C-alpha cells in the first residue's frame, strides 16, 4: 500500500501584514511619481546643441588713448618737417597747470597791412553864368533893400532844379526877384572823385536901392 504524504497548510498573512504590504506599494508608487515629474519638468537638450561648445563671454577692451600729433617712428618724417605743421607754443605766464597758448609761427609770412578807406574828394557847385536880378520897381519906390540867401540844388548837368529861401531880405518882392534871377544861372556841377554829381550851394543876392 503506497505511503501518502501529508502537507501542512501555508500560514496566511495577518491583517497587519496586508497593511504593511499596501503601505510599501504606495510608498514605491509615490517615489516613482516624484522622480518621473522631476524628469519631465527639466529642460531637454536640443538635438542641434549636442556637442556644441558653450559660448564664451564677450570681452571688452578699452579704446587706445590718442597720441599727441608729432613726429614718431612710424611717421617717416624728419622732426624739422613735422614741426612746420604745428604752430609754435608760446608760454604767456598763465596759471600753473594750464597748457601754453599756441601762438603764430614766427617763420610765417607777415600779413599785409589793412587797406585804408579812401573817401573821394568832393567839390561843391560853382556859378559860371550869373546874370544880375531885376530890381522890382515897387520895392525900389519904397526904398526896400537887403540881402537874400538862397539854397540852390544843382543837378549833375549844372542846372538849378530847386531854389529855397534860406534867409529872407524882409521883402517878398526882393526874395522873388532873387529866386527868378538864380533860376537862370548856370553852374559847374559838383564833383565826387572827378565825376559830376548833384550838389547844394548857398547863393547870396544883395539889393541896394541907394537911399
N, C-alpha and C. Protein backbone atom coordinates (compact mmCIF):
# COMPACT_ATOMS: atom_id res chain seq x y z
N UNK A 1 0.86 -1.16 0.00
CA UNK A 1 0.00 0.00 0.00
C UNK A 1 0.90 1.21 0.00
N UNK A 2 0.59 2.12 -0.95
CA UNK A 2 1.51 3.28 -1.09
C UNK A 2 1.35 4.22 0.06
N UNK A 3 2.51 4.80 0.38
CA UNK A 3 2.50 5.74 1.52
C UNK A 3 2.01 7.09 1.04
N UNK A 4 1.21 7.71 1.75
CA UNK A 4 0.65 9.05 1.41
C UNK A 4 1.34 10.09 2.24
N UNK A 5 1.73 11.19 1.55
CA UNK A 5 2.42 12.29 2.25
C UNK A 5 1.42 13.37 2.57
N UNK A 6 1.54 13.88 3.72
CA UNK A 6 0.63 14.95 4.16
C UNK A 6 1.38 16.27 4.21
N UNK A 7 0.81 17.34 3.55
CA UNK A 7 1.43 18.68 3.54
C UNK A 7 0.67 19.58 4.51
N UNK A 8 1.50 20.37 5.23
CA UNK A 8 0.89 21.29 6.20
C UNK A 8 0.45 22.56 5.47
N UNK A 9 -0.69 23.06 5.74
CA UNK A 9 -1.18 24.29 5.06
C UNK A 9 -0.28 25.49 5.41
N UNK A 10 -0.07 26.42 4.32
CA UNK A 10 0.75 27.61 4.50
C UNK A 10 0.00 28.64 5.30
N UNK A 11 0.73 29.29 6.21
CA UNK A 11 0.02 30.29 7.04
C UNK A 11 -0.27 31.56 6.21
N UNK A 12 -1.47 32.05 6.26
CA UNK A 12 -1.86 33.28 5.56
C UNK A 12 -1.40 34.50 6.36
N UNK A 13 -1.07 35.61 5.61
CA UNK A 13 -0.64 36.81 6.35
C UNK A 13 -1.78 37.39 7.14
N UNK A 14 -1.42 37.96 8.20
CA UNK A 14 -2.44 38.57 9.05
C UNK A 14 -2.86 39.92 8.48
N UNK A 15 -3.83 40.54 9.09
CA UNK A 15 -4.30 41.86 8.63
C UNK A 15 -3.20 42.91 8.74
N UNK A 16 -2.40 42.80 9.72
CA UNK A 16 -1.30 43.77 9.87
C UNK A 16 -0.30 43.64 8.74
N UNK A 17 -0.06 42.41 8.32
CA UNK A 17 0.87 42.18 7.22
C UNK A 17 0.35 42.79 5.93
N UNK A 18 -0.99 42.61 5.71
CA UNK A 18 -1.57 43.23 4.50
C UNK A 18 -1.41 44.75 4.51
N UNK A 19 -1.54 45.35 5.65
CA UNK A 19 -1.37 46.83 5.72
C UNK A 19 0.07 47.22 5.43
N UNK A 20 1.01 46.46 5.89
CA UNK A 20 2.41 46.77 5.61
C UNK A 20 2.71 46.65 4.12
N UNK A 21 2.16 45.60 3.47
CA UNK A 21 2.38 45.44 2.03
C UNK A 21 1.79 46.61 1.25
N UNK A 22 0.56 47.00 1.63
CA UNK A 22 -0.08 48.13 0.93
C UNK A 22 0.70 49.43 1.12
N UNK A 23 1.22 49.64 2.32
CA UNK A 23 1.99 50.86 2.58
C UNK A 23 3.27 50.88 1.75
N UNK A 24 3.94 49.71 1.62
CA UNK A 24 5.15 49.66 0.81
C UNK A 24 4.87 49.96 -0.65
N UNK A 25 3.75 49.38 -1.16
CA UNK A 25 3.41 49.64 -2.56
C UNK A 25 3.13 51.13 -2.79
N UNK A 26 2.39 51.76 -1.89
CA UNK A 26 2.08 53.19 -2.03
C UNK A 26 3.35 54.04 -1.94
N UNK A 27 4.25 53.66 -1.03
CA UNK A 27 5.49 54.42 -0.92
C UNK A 27 6.31 54.32 -2.20
N UNK A 28 6.40 53.13 -2.78
CA UNK A 28 7.14 52.99 -4.04
C UNK A 28 6.49 53.77 -5.18
N UNK A 29 5.17 53.74 -5.21
CA UNK A 29 4.47 54.50 -6.26
C UNK A 29 4.72 56.01 -6.10
N UNK A 30 4.72 56.50 -4.85
CA UNK A 30 4.96 57.93 -4.62
C UNK A 30 6.37 58.32 -5.05
N UNK A 31 7.37 57.49 -4.76
CA UNK A 31 8.74 57.79 -5.16
C UNK A 31 8.86 57.83 -6.68
N UNK A 32 8.18 56.90 -7.35
CA UNK A 32 8.22 56.85 -8.81
C UNK A 32 7.60 58.11 -9.42
N UNK A 33 6.47 58.54 -8.86
CA UNK A 33 5.82 59.74 -9.40
C UNK A 33 6.69 60.99 -9.22
N UNK A 34 7.34 61.09 -8.05
CA UNK A 34 8.21 62.25 -7.82
C UNK A 34 9.38 62.24 -8.79
N UNK A 35 9.98 61.16 -9.03
CA UNK A 35 11.11 61.07 -9.96
C UNK A 35 10.68 61.35 -11.38
N UNK A 36 9.49 60.80 -11.76
CA UNK A 36 9.01 60.98 -13.14
C UNK A 36 8.65 62.44 -13.42
N UNK A 37 8.00 63.09 -12.45
CA UNK A 37 7.65 64.51 -12.63
C UNK A 37 8.90 65.38 -12.68
N UNK A 38 9.92 65.10 -11.91
CA UNK A 38 11.17 65.87 -11.94
C UNK A 38 11.87 65.75 -13.28
N UNK A 39 11.87 64.54 -13.86
CA UNK A 39 12.49 64.37 -15.17
C UNK A 39 11.71 65.08 -16.26
N UNK A 40 10.40 65.16 -16.14
CA UNK A 40 9.57 65.82 -17.17
C UNK A 40 9.72 67.34 -17.13
N UNK A 41 9.86 67.95 -15.92
CA UNK A 41 9.98 69.41 -15.81
C UNK A 41 11.35 69.94 -16.19
N UNK A 42 12.38 69.10 -16.19
CA UNK A 42 13.74 69.57 -16.51
C UNK A 42 13.84 69.86 -18.00
N UNK A 43 14.55 70.97 -18.46
CA UNK A 43 14.71 71.27 -19.90
C UNK A 43 15.50 70.19 -20.59
N UNK A 44 14.94 69.76 -21.74
CA UNK A 44 15.57 68.72 -22.53
C UNK A 44 16.58 69.34 -23.49
N UNK A 45 17.74 68.80 -23.63
CA UNK A 45 18.74 69.34 -24.57
C UNK A 45 18.27 69.22 -26.00
N UNK A 46 18.50 70.30 -26.79
CA UNK A 46 18.13 70.30 -28.21
C UNK A 46 19.09 69.41 -28.97
N UNK A 47 18.58 68.72 -30.02
CA UNK A 47 19.49 67.83 -30.77
C UNK A 47 20.63 68.58 -31.44
N UNK A 48 20.33 69.85 -31.88
CA UNK A 48 21.39 70.59 -32.57
C UNK A 48 22.46 71.07 -31.62
N UNK A 49 22.11 71.17 -30.32
CA UNK A 49 23.08 71.68 -29.35
C UNK A 49 24.01 70.61 -28.84
N UNK A 50 23.77 69.41 -29.27
CA UNK A 50 24.61 68.32 -28.76
C UNK A 50 26.02 68.45 -29.32
N UNK A 51 26.94 68.51 -28.47
CA UNK A 51 28.34 68.59 -28.88
C UNK A 51 28.82 69.99 -29.19
N UNK A 52 27.90 71.05 -29.15
CA UNK A 52 28.33 72.43 -29.45
C UNK A 52 29.02 73.01 -28.24
N UNK A 53 30.13 73.72 -28.42
CA UNK A 53 30.82 74.32 -27.25
C UNK A 53 30.03 75.48 -26.70
N UNK A 54 30.18 75.73 -25.45
CA UNK A 54 29.49 76.84 -24.80
C UNK A 54 30.06 78.16 -25.30
N UNK A 55 29.13 79.18 -25.48
CA UNK A 55 29.56 80.49 -25.98
C UNK A 55 30.39 81.19 -24.93
N UNK A 56 31.48 81.78 -25.38
CA UNK A 56 32.37 82.48 -24.45
C UNK A 56 31.80 83.85 -24.14
N UNK A 57 32.00 84.34 -22.96
CA UNK A 57 31.52 85.68 -22.55
C UNK A 57 32.28 86.75 -23.32
N UNK A 58 31.57 87.86 -23.76
CA UNK A 58 32.28 88.92 -24.52
C UNK A 58 33.32 89.61 -23.65
N UNK A 59 34.38 89.97 -24.30
CA UNK A 59 35.49 90.63 -23.61
C UNK A 59 35.56 92.07 -24.14
N UNK A 60 35.44 93.05 -23.25
CA UNK A 60 35.51 94.47 -23.62
C UNK A 60 36.91 94.99 -23.32
N UNK A 61 37.49 95.61 -24.31
CA UNK A 61 38.81 96.19 -24.15
C UNK A 61 38.72 97.70 -24.27
N UNK A 62 39.39 98.45 -23.45
CA UNK A 62 39.34 99.93 -23.52
C UNK A 62 39.97 100.43 -24.81
N UNK A 63 39.41 101.55 -25.34
CA UNK A 63 39.96 102.16 -26.55
C UNK A 63 41.36 102.70 -26.28
N UNK A 64 42.21 102.67 -27.28
CA UNK A 64 43.58 103.22 -27.06
C UNK A 64 43.52 104.72 -26.89
N UNK A 65 44.36 105.25 -26.07
CA UNK A 65 44.44 106.69 -25.82
C UNK A 65 45.08 107.35 -27.03
N UNK A 66 44.40 108.41 -27.63
CA UNK A 66 45.00 109.07 -28.81
C UNK A 66 46.32 109.74 -28.46
N UNK A 67 47.23 109.61 -29.33
CA UNK A 67 48.56 110.18 -29.12
C UNK A 67 48.60 111.60 -29.63
N UNK A 68 49.39 112.41 -29.02
CA UNK A 68 49.54 113.80 -29.45
C UNK A 68 50.23 113.83 -30.80
N UNK A 69 49.78 114.76 -31.70
CA UNK A 69 50.43 114.82 -33.02
C UNK A 69 51.89 115.22 -32.90
N UNK A 70 52.68 114.61 -33.68
CA UNK A 70 54.11 114.90 -33.64
C UNK A 70 54.87 113.84 -34.38
N UNK A 71 56.10 114.02 -34.60
CA UNK A 71 56.90 113.02 -35.33
C UNK A 71 57.09 111.77 -34.51
N UNK A 72 56.97 110.65 -35.12
CA UNK A 72 57.16 109.38 -34.44
C UNK A 72 57.96 108.45 -35.30
N UNK A 73 58.21 107.25 -34.78
CA UNK A 73 58.99 106.28 -35.57
C UNK A 73 58.27 105.89 -36.83
N UNK A 74 56.86 105.83 -36.80
CA UNK A 74 56.13 105.35 -37.96
C UNK A 74 55.74 106.46 -38.90
N UNK A 75 55.99 107.71 -38.57
CA UNK A 75 55.56 108.80 -39.44
C UNK A 75 56.44 108.92 -40.67
N UNK A 76 57.68 108.56 -40.57
CA UNK A 76 58.57 108.64 -41.72
C UNK A 76 58.99 110.05 -42.07
N UNK A 77 58.76 111.02 -41.18
CA UNK A 77 59.12 112.41 -41.43
C UNK A 77 60.19 112.85 -40.45
N UNK A 78 60.99 113.73 -40.90
CA UNK A 78 62.05 114.25 -40.03
C UNK A 78 61.44 115.17 -39.01
N UNK A 79 62.03 115.33 -37.84
CA UNK A 79 61.48 116.23 -36.82
C UNK A 79 61.36 117.65 -37.32
N UNK A 80 62.26 118.12 -38.15
CA UNK A 80 62.19 119.50 -38.62
C UNK A 80 60.98 119.70 -39.52
N UNK A 81 60.64 118.72 -40.38
CA UNK A 81 59.50 118.84 -41.26
C UNK A 81 58.21 118.78 -40.47
N UNK A 82 58.13 117.92 -39.46
CA UNK A 82 56.91 117.80 -38.68
C UNK A 82 56.63 119.06 -37.88
N UNK A 83 57.66 119.76 -37.46
CA UNK A 83 57.45 120.96 -36.66
C UNK A 83 56.85 122.08 -37.48
N UNK A 84 56.97 122.05 -38.81
CA UNK A 84 56.41 123.11 -39.63
C UNK A 84 54.91 123.07 -39.66
N UNK A 85 54.27 121.91 -39.39
CA UNK A 85 52.82 121.80 -39.48
C UNK A 85 52.12 122.31 -38.24
N UNK A 86 52.79 122.43 -37.11
CA UNK A 86 52.15 122.85 -35.86
C UNK A 86 52.66 124.21 -35.46
N UNK A 87 51.80 125.10 -34.98
CA UNK A 87 52.26 126.42 -34.53
C UNK A 87 53.12 126.32 -33.29
N UNK A 88 53.99 127.26 -33.15
CA UNK A 88 54.89 127.27 -32.01
C UNK A 88 54.11 127.59 -30.75
N UNK A 89 54.44 126.93 -29.66
CA UNK A 89 53.78 127.16 -28.38
C UNK A 89 54.50 128.28 -27.65
N UNK A 90 53.73 129.27 -27.20
CA UNK A 90 54.29 130.43 -26.51
C UNK A 90 53.77 130.42 -25.08
N UNK A 91 54.63 130.43 -24.13
CA UNK A 91 54.25 130.46 -22.73
C UNK A 91 54.00 131.90 -22.33
N UNK A 92 52.75 132.24 -22.02
CA UNK A 92 52.37 133.60 -21.64
C UNK A 92 52.37 133.81 -20.14
N UNK A 93 52.90 132.87 -19.43
CA UNK A 93 52.99 133.05 -17.98
C UNK A 93 51.66 132.93 -17.30
N UNK A 94 50.79 132.02 -17.75
CA UNK A 94 49.47 131.85 -17.15
C UNK A 94 49.56 131.07 -15.86
N UNK A 95 48.41 130.73 -15.27
CA UNK A 95 48.41 129.94 -14.03
C UNK A 95 49.08 128.59 -14.23
N UNK A 96 49.59 128.10 -13.16
CA UNK A 96 50.28 126.82 -13.22
C UNK A 96 49.28 125.73 -13.56
N UNK A 97 49.72 124.76 -14.34
CA UNK A 97 48.88 123.63 -14.71
C UNK A 97 48.16 123.82 -16.02
N UNK A 98 48.11 125.05 -16.58
CA UNK A 98 47.44 125.29 -17.85
C UNK A 98 48.43 125.10 -18.99
N UNK A 99 47.97 124.55 -20.14
CA UNK A 99 48.90 124.35 -21.26
C UNK A 99 49.28 125.69 -21.86
N UNK A 100 50.44 125.78 -22.48
CA UNK A 100 50.84 127.04 -23.13
C UNK A 100 49.94 127.36 -24.30
N UNK A 101 49.80 128.64 -24.59
CA UNK A 101 48.96 129.11 -25.68
C UNK A 101 49.74 129.01 -26.98
N UNK A 102 49.06 128.45 -28.01
CA UNK A 102 49.70 128.32 -29.31
C UNK A 102 49.71 129.66 -30.00
N UNK A 103 50.87 130.20 -30.28
CA UNK A 103 50.99 131.50 -30.94
C UNK A 103 51.30 131.34 -32.41
N UNK A 104 51.40 132.44 -33.13
CA UNK A 104 51.70 132.36 -34.57
C UNK A 104 53.11 131.87 -34.82
N UNK A 105 53.24 131.23 -35.92
CA UNK A 105 54.56 130.72 -36.31
C UNK A 105 55.43 131.89 -36.73
N UNK A 106 56.56 132.11 -36.04
CA UNK A 106 57.41 133.26 -36.42
C UNK A 106 57.97 133.15 -37.82
N UNK A 107 57.99 131.96 -38.40
CA UNK A 107 58.53 131.80 -39.74
C UNK A 107 57.49 132.09 -40.81
N UNK A 108 56.20 132.27 -40.41
CA UNK A 108 55.17 132.56 -41.40
C UNK A 108 55.35 133.97 -41.95
N UNK A 109 54.87 134.18 -43.18
CA UNK A 109 54.99 135.50 -43.82
C UNK A 109 54.07 136.49 -43.12
N UNK A 110 54.51 137.72 -42.88
CA UNK A 110 53.66 138.71 -42.20
C UNK A 110 52.46 139.08 -43.04
N UNK A 111 51.34 139.38 -42.36
CA UNK A 111 50.13 139.77 -43.05
C UNK A 111 50.26 141.18 -43.59
N UNK A 112 49.67 141.44 -44.74
CA UNK A 112 49.76 142.81 -45.29
C UNK A 112 48.93 143.76 -44.45
N UNK A 113 49.30 145.02 -44.35
CA UNK A 113 48.53 145.98 -43.56
C UNK A 113 47.16 146.19 -44.17
N UNK A 114 46.13 146.46 -43.34
CA UNK A 114 44.79 146.68 -43.89
C UNK A 114 44.75 147.91 -44.77
N UNK A 115 43.97 147.80 -45.83
CA UNK A 115 43.85 148.92 -46.75
C UNK A 115 43.02 150.04 -46.12
N UNK A 116 43.52 151.26 -46.24
CA UNK A 116 42.81 152.39 -45.70
C UNK A 116 41.71 152.82 -46.67
N UNK A 117 40.53 153.08 -46.09
CA UNK A 117 39.41 153.50 -46.92
C UNK A 117 39.63 154.94 -47.37
N UNK A 118 39.65 155.13 -48.66
CA UNK A 118 39.89 156.44 -49.25
C UNK A 118 38.55 157.02 -49.68
N UNK A 119 38.21 158.20 -49.14
CA UNK A 119 36.98 158.88 -49.49
C UNK A 119 37.26 159.83 -50.64
N UNK A 120 36.58 159.68 -51.77
CA UNK A 120 36.83 160.59 -52.89
C UNK A 120 36.54 162.04 -52.50
N UNK A 121 37.35 162.95 -53.01
CA UNK A 121 37.18 164.37 -52.70
C UNK A 121 35.90 164.90 -53.34
N UNK A 122 35.27 165.86 -52.65
CA UNK A 122 34.01 166.45 -53.12
C UNK A 122 34.21 167.94 -53.32
N UNK A 123 33.71 168.42 -54.46
CA UNK A 123 33.77 169.86 -54.78
C UNK A 123 32.35 170.36 -55.00
N UNK A 124 31.92 171.46 -54.34
CA UNK A 124 30.55 171.96 -54.48
C UNK A 124 30.36 172.63 -55.84
N UNK A 125 29.10 172.88 -56.20
CA UNK A 125 28.85 173.58 -57.47
C UNK A 125 29.38 175.01 -57.42
N UNK A 126 29.74 175.54 -58.59
CA UNK A 126 30.31 176.89 -58.71
C UNK A 126 29.55 177.61 -59.83
N UNK A 127 29.03 178.85 -59.59
CA UNK A 127 28.34 179.58 -60.66
C UNK A 127 29.32 179.97 -61.77
N UNK A 128 28.92 179.75 -63.02
CA UNK A 128 29.75 180.13 -64.18
C UNK A 128 29.02 181.16 -65.05
N UNK A 129 27.71 181.28 -64.90
CA UNK A 129 26.91 182.30 -65.61
C UNK A 129 25.87 182.79 -64.64
N UNK A 130 26.02 184.04 -64.16
CA UNK A 130 25.14 184.57 -63.11
C UNK A 130 24.64 185.97 -63.47
N UNK A 131 23.66 186.06 -64.34
CA UNK A 131 23.10 187.39 -64.64
C UNK A 131 22.44 188.00 -63.41
N UNK A 132 22.55 189.33 -63.26
CA UNK A 132 22.01 190.00 -62.09
C UNK A 132 20.50 190.05 -62.08
N UNK A 133 19.91 190.16 -60.89
CA UNK A 133 18.45 190.21 -60.79
C UNK A 133 17.91 191.59 -61.21
N UNK A 134 16.65 191.61 -61.60
CA UNK A 134 15.98 192.87 -61.91
C UNK A 134 15.40 193.43 -60.63
N UNK A 135 15.70 194.72 -60.41
CA UNK A 135 15.22 195.35 -59.17
C UNK A 135 13.73 195.63 -59.33
N UNK A 136 12.89 195.08 -58.44
CA UNK A 136 11.46 195.34 -58.56
C UNK A 136 11.16 196.83 -58.42
N UNK A 137 10.33 197.35 -59.33
CA UNK A 137 10.02 198.80 -59.32
C UNK A 137 9.29 199.19 -58.05
N UNK A 138 8.37 198.38 -57.61
CA UNK A 138 7.62 198.72 -56.40
C UNK A 138 8.56 198.75 -55.20
N UNK A 139 9.46 197.76 -55.09
CA UNK A 139 10.39 197.75 -53.97
C UNK A 139 11.36 198.92 -54.06
N UNK A 140 11.72 199.32 -55.31
CA UNK A 140 12.63 200.44 -55.47
C UNK A 140 11.96 201.74 -55.05
N UNK A 141 10.69 201.93 -55.39
CA UNK A 141 9.98 203.13 -55.00
C UNK A 141 9.84 203.21 -53.48
N UNK A 142 9.67 202.06 -52.86
CA UNK A 142 9.54 202.04 -51.41
C UNK A 142 10.88 202.15 -50.71
N UNK A 143 11.95 202.04 -51.45
CA UNK A 143 13.27 202.09 -50.84
C UNK A 143 13.64 200.80 -50.12
N UNK A 144 13.05 199.68 -50.56
CA UNK A 144 13.36 198.38 -49.91
C UNK A 144 14.71 197.87 -50.40
N UNK A 145 15.51 197.38 -49.51
CA UNK A 145 16.83 196.81 -49.83
C UNK A 145 17.12 195.68 -48.83
N UNK A 146 18.16 194.92 -49.14
CA UNK A 146 18.54 193.82 -48.24
C UNK A 146 19.24 192.71 -49.00
N UNK A 147 19.55 191.69 -48.29
CA UNK A 147 20.26 190.53 -48.88
C UNK A 147 19.41 189.27 -48.71
N UNK A 148 19.32 188.53 -49.78
CA UNK A 148 18.59 187.25 -49.78
C UNK A 148 19.62 186.12 -49.87
N UNK A 149 19.50 185.13 -48.99
CA UNK A 149 20.39 183.94 -49.06
C UNK A 149 19.56 182.78 -49.58
N UNK A 150 19.93 182.27 -50.74
CA UNK A 150 19.21 181.19 -51.40
C UNK A 150 20.01 179.89 -51.31
N UNK A 151 19.29 178.79 -51.04
CA UNK A 151 19.89 177.45 -51.07
C UNK A 151 19.49 176.81 -52.40
N UNK A 152 20.48 176.59 -53.24
CA UNK A 152 20.24 176.14 -54.61
C UNK A 152 20.69 174.69 -54.76
N UNK A 153 19.78 173.82 -55.23
CA UNK A 153 20.10 172.42 -55.53
C UNK A 153 20.43 172.32 -57.02
N UNK A 154 21.64 171.92 -57.32
CA UNK A 154 22.15 171.85 -58.70
C UNK A 154 22.34 170.38 -59.06
N UNK A 155 21.84 170.01 -60.26
CA UNK A 155 21.98 168.61 -60.68
C UNK A 155 23.34 168.39 -61.33
N UNK A 156 23.58 167.16 -61.80
CA UNK A 156 24.88 166.81 -62.38
C UNK A 156 25.14 167.52 -63.69
N UNK A 157 24.11 168.14 -64.32
CA UNK A 157 24.31 168.90 -65.55
C UNK A 157 24.65 170.36 -65.29
N UNK A 158 24.55 170.81 -64.04
CA UNK A 158 24.84 172.20 -63.71
C UNK A 158 23.62 173.09 -63.74
N UNK A 159 22.42 172.51 -63.74
CA UNK A 159 21.19 173.28 -63.79
C UNK A 159 20.56 173.35 -62.40
N UNK A 160 20.06 174.53 -61.99
CA UNK A 160 19.37 174.62 -60.69
C UNK A 160 17.98 173.98 -60.79
N UNK A 161 17.74 172.99 -59.99
CA UNK A 161 16.47 172.25 -60.04
C UNK A 161 15.56 172.61 -58.88
N UNK A 162 16.10 173.20 -57.83
CA UNK A 162 15.28 173.60 -56.69
C UNK A 162 15.95 174.77 -55.97
N UNK A 163 15.15 175.80 -55.68
CA UNK A 163 15.67 177.00 -55.02
C UNK A 163 14.84 177.26 -53.77
N UNK A 164 15.49 177.41 -52.63
CA UNK A 164 14.83 177.66 -51.35
C UNK A 164 15.40 178.95 -50.75
N UNK A 165 14.56 179.70 -50.06
CA UNK A 165 14.99 180.92 -49.37
C UNK A 165 15.51 180.51 -47.99
N UNK A 166 16.80 180.51 -47.82
CA UNK A 166 17.39 180.16 -46.53
C UNK A 166 17.32 181.30 -45.55
N UNK A 167 17.46 182.54 -46.07
CA UNK A 167 17.37 183.73 -45.22
C UNK A 167 16.73 184.84 -46.05
N UNK A 168 15.63 185.38 -45.56
CA UNK A 168 14.87 186.38 -46.31
C UNK A 168 15.46 187.78 -46.12
N UNK A 169 15.23 188.64 -47.11
CA UNK A 169 15.64 190.04 -47.03
C UNK A 169 14.64 190.89 -46.27
N UNK A 170 13.51 190.36 -45.98
CA UNK A 170 12.44 191.10 -45.34
C UNK A 170 11.41 191.62 -46.31
N UNK A 171 11.65 191.42 -47.62
CA UNK A 171 10.72 191.87 -48.64
C UNK A 171 10.39 190.70 -49.55
N UNK A 172 9.12 190.43 -49.72
CA UNK A 172 8.73 189.34 -50.61
C UNK A 172 9.08 189.65 -52.05
N UNK A 173 9.03 190.93 -52.43
CA UNK A 173 9.37 191.31 -53.80
C UNK A 173 10.84 191.03 -54.10
N UNK A 174 11.70 191.36 -53.17
CA UNK A 174 13.13 191.11 -53.37
C UNK A 174 13.45 189.61 -53.36
N UNK A 175 12.81 188.88 -52.48
CA UNK A 175 13.05 187.42 -52.42
C UNK A 175 12.64 186.77 -53.74
N UNK A 176 11.49 187.18 -54.29
CA UNK A 176 11.01 186.60 -55.54
C UNK A 176 11.93 186.98 -56.69
N UNK A 177 12.39 188.21 -56.71
CA UNK A 177 13.28 188.65 -57.79
C UNK A 177 14.61 187.89 -57.74
N UNK A 178 15.13 187.65 -56.56
CA UNK A 178 16.40 186.91 -56.43
C UNK A 178 16.22 185.47 -56.90
N UNK A 179 15.10 184.84 -56.56
CA UNK A 179 14.87 183.45 -56.98
C UNK A 179 14.73 183.37 -58.49
N UNK A 180 14.03 184.30 -59.11
CA UNK A 180 13.88 184.29 -60.57
C UNK A 180 15.21 184.49 -61.27
N UNK A 181 16.09 185.31 -60.68
CA UNK A 181 17.40 185.54 -61.30
C UNK A 181 18.28 184.30 -61.22
N UNK A 182 18.33 183.68 -60.06
CA UNK A 182 19.22 182.50 -59.88
C UNK A 182 18.69 181.31 -60.69
N UNK A 183 17.40 181.27 -60.99
CA UNK A 183 16.85 180.17 -61.77
C UNK A 183 17.43 180.17 -63.19
N UNK A 184 17.94 181.33 -63.66
CA UNK A 184 18.54 181.41 -64.99
C UNK A 184 20.06 181.19 -64.96
N UNK A 185 20.61 181.00 -63.78
CA UNK A 185 22.05 180.82 -63.68
C UNK A 185 22.46 179.42 -64.19
N UNK A 186 23.73 179.32 -64.50
CA UNK A 186 24.33 178.03 -64.85
C UNK A 186 25.55 177.81 -63.94
N UNK A 187 25.74 176.54 -63.59
CA UNK A 187 26.78 176.19 -62.61
C UNK A 187 27.69 175.12 -63.20
N UNK A 188 28.90 175.12 -62.68
CA UNK A 188 29.75 173.96 -62.88
C UNK A 188 29.34 172.95 -61.82
N UNK A 189 28.89 171.76 -62.22
CA UNK A 189 28.32 170.82 -61.23
C UNK A 189 29.34 170.39 -60.20
N UNK A 190 28.83 169.90 -59.10
CA UNK A 190 29.70 169.34 -58.07
C UNK A 190 30.36 168.08 -58.59
N UNK A 191 31.52 167.77 -58.05
CA UNK A 191 32.26 166.58 -58.46
C UNK A 191 32.62 165.75 -57.23
N UNK A 192 32.58 164.44 -57.43
CA UNK A 192 32.99 163.49 -56.39
C UNK A 192 33.92 162.49 -57.05
N UNK A 193 35.20 162.55 -56.66
CA UNK A 193 36.18 161.67 -57.28
C UNK A 193 36.36 161.95 -58.76
N UNK A 194 36.16 163.20 -59.18
CA UNK A 194 36.33 163.55 -60.59
C UNK A 194 35.09 163.35 -61.43
N UNK A 195 34.00 162.83 -60.86
CA UNK A 195 32.78 162.59 -61.60
C UNK A 195 31.73 163.63 -61.21
N UNK A 196 30.97 164.19 -62.19
CA UNK A 196 29.93 165.18 -61.85
C UNK A 196 28.78 164.53 -61.11
N UNK A 197 28.37 165.19 -60.02
CA UNK A 197 27.26 164.71 -59.19
C UNK A 197 26.40 165.92 -58.83
N UNK A 198 25.24 165.65 -58.27
CA UNK A 198 24.38 166.73 -57.81
C UNK A 198 24.91 167.28 -56.49
N UNK A 199 24.63 168.55 -56.23
CA UNK A 199 25.12 169.17 -55.01
C UNK A 199 24.26 170.37 -54.65
N UNK A 200 24.59 170.98 -53.51
CA UNK A 200 23.84 172.12 -52.98
C UNK A 200 24.84 173.24 -52.69
N UNK A 201 24.42 174.48 -53.02
CA UNK A 201 25.28 175.63 -52.77
C UNK A 201 24.40 176.78 -52.30
N UNK A 202 24.93 177.60 -51.40
CA UNK A 202 24.23 178.79 -50.91
C UNK A 202 24.68 180.01 -51.73
N UNK A 203 23.71 180.76 -52.24
CA UNK A 203 23.98 181.92 -53.09
C UNK A 203 23.38 183.17 -52.43
N UNK A 204 24.19 184.15 -52.06
CA UNK A 204 23.64 185.42 -51.55
C UNK A 204 23.37 186.41 -52.70
N UNK A 205 22.24 187.10 -52.64
CA UNK A 205 21.86 188.12 -53.63
C UNK A 205 21.54 189.39 -52.86
N UNK A 206 22.22 190.48 -53.19
CA UNK A 206 22.08 191.74 -52.46
C UNK A 206 21.33 192.78 -53.32
N UNK A 207 20.38 193.43 -52.68
CA UNK A 207 19.64 194.53 -53.31
C UNK A 207 19.96 195.82 -52.54
N UNK A 208 20.35 196.87 -53.27
CA UNK A 208 20.67 198.15 -52.66
C UNK A 208 19.99 199.27 -53.48
N UNK A 209 19.04 199.94 -52.82
CA UNK A 209 18.28 200.99 -53.52
C UNK A 209 19.05 202.32 -53.60
N UNK A 210 20.09 202.50 -52.88
CA UNK A 210 20.90 203.70 -52.90
C UNK A 210 20.34 204.79 -52.02
N UNK A 211 19.36 204.56 -51.25
CA UNK A 211 18.81 205.58 -50.36
C UNK A 211 19.40 205.44 -48.96
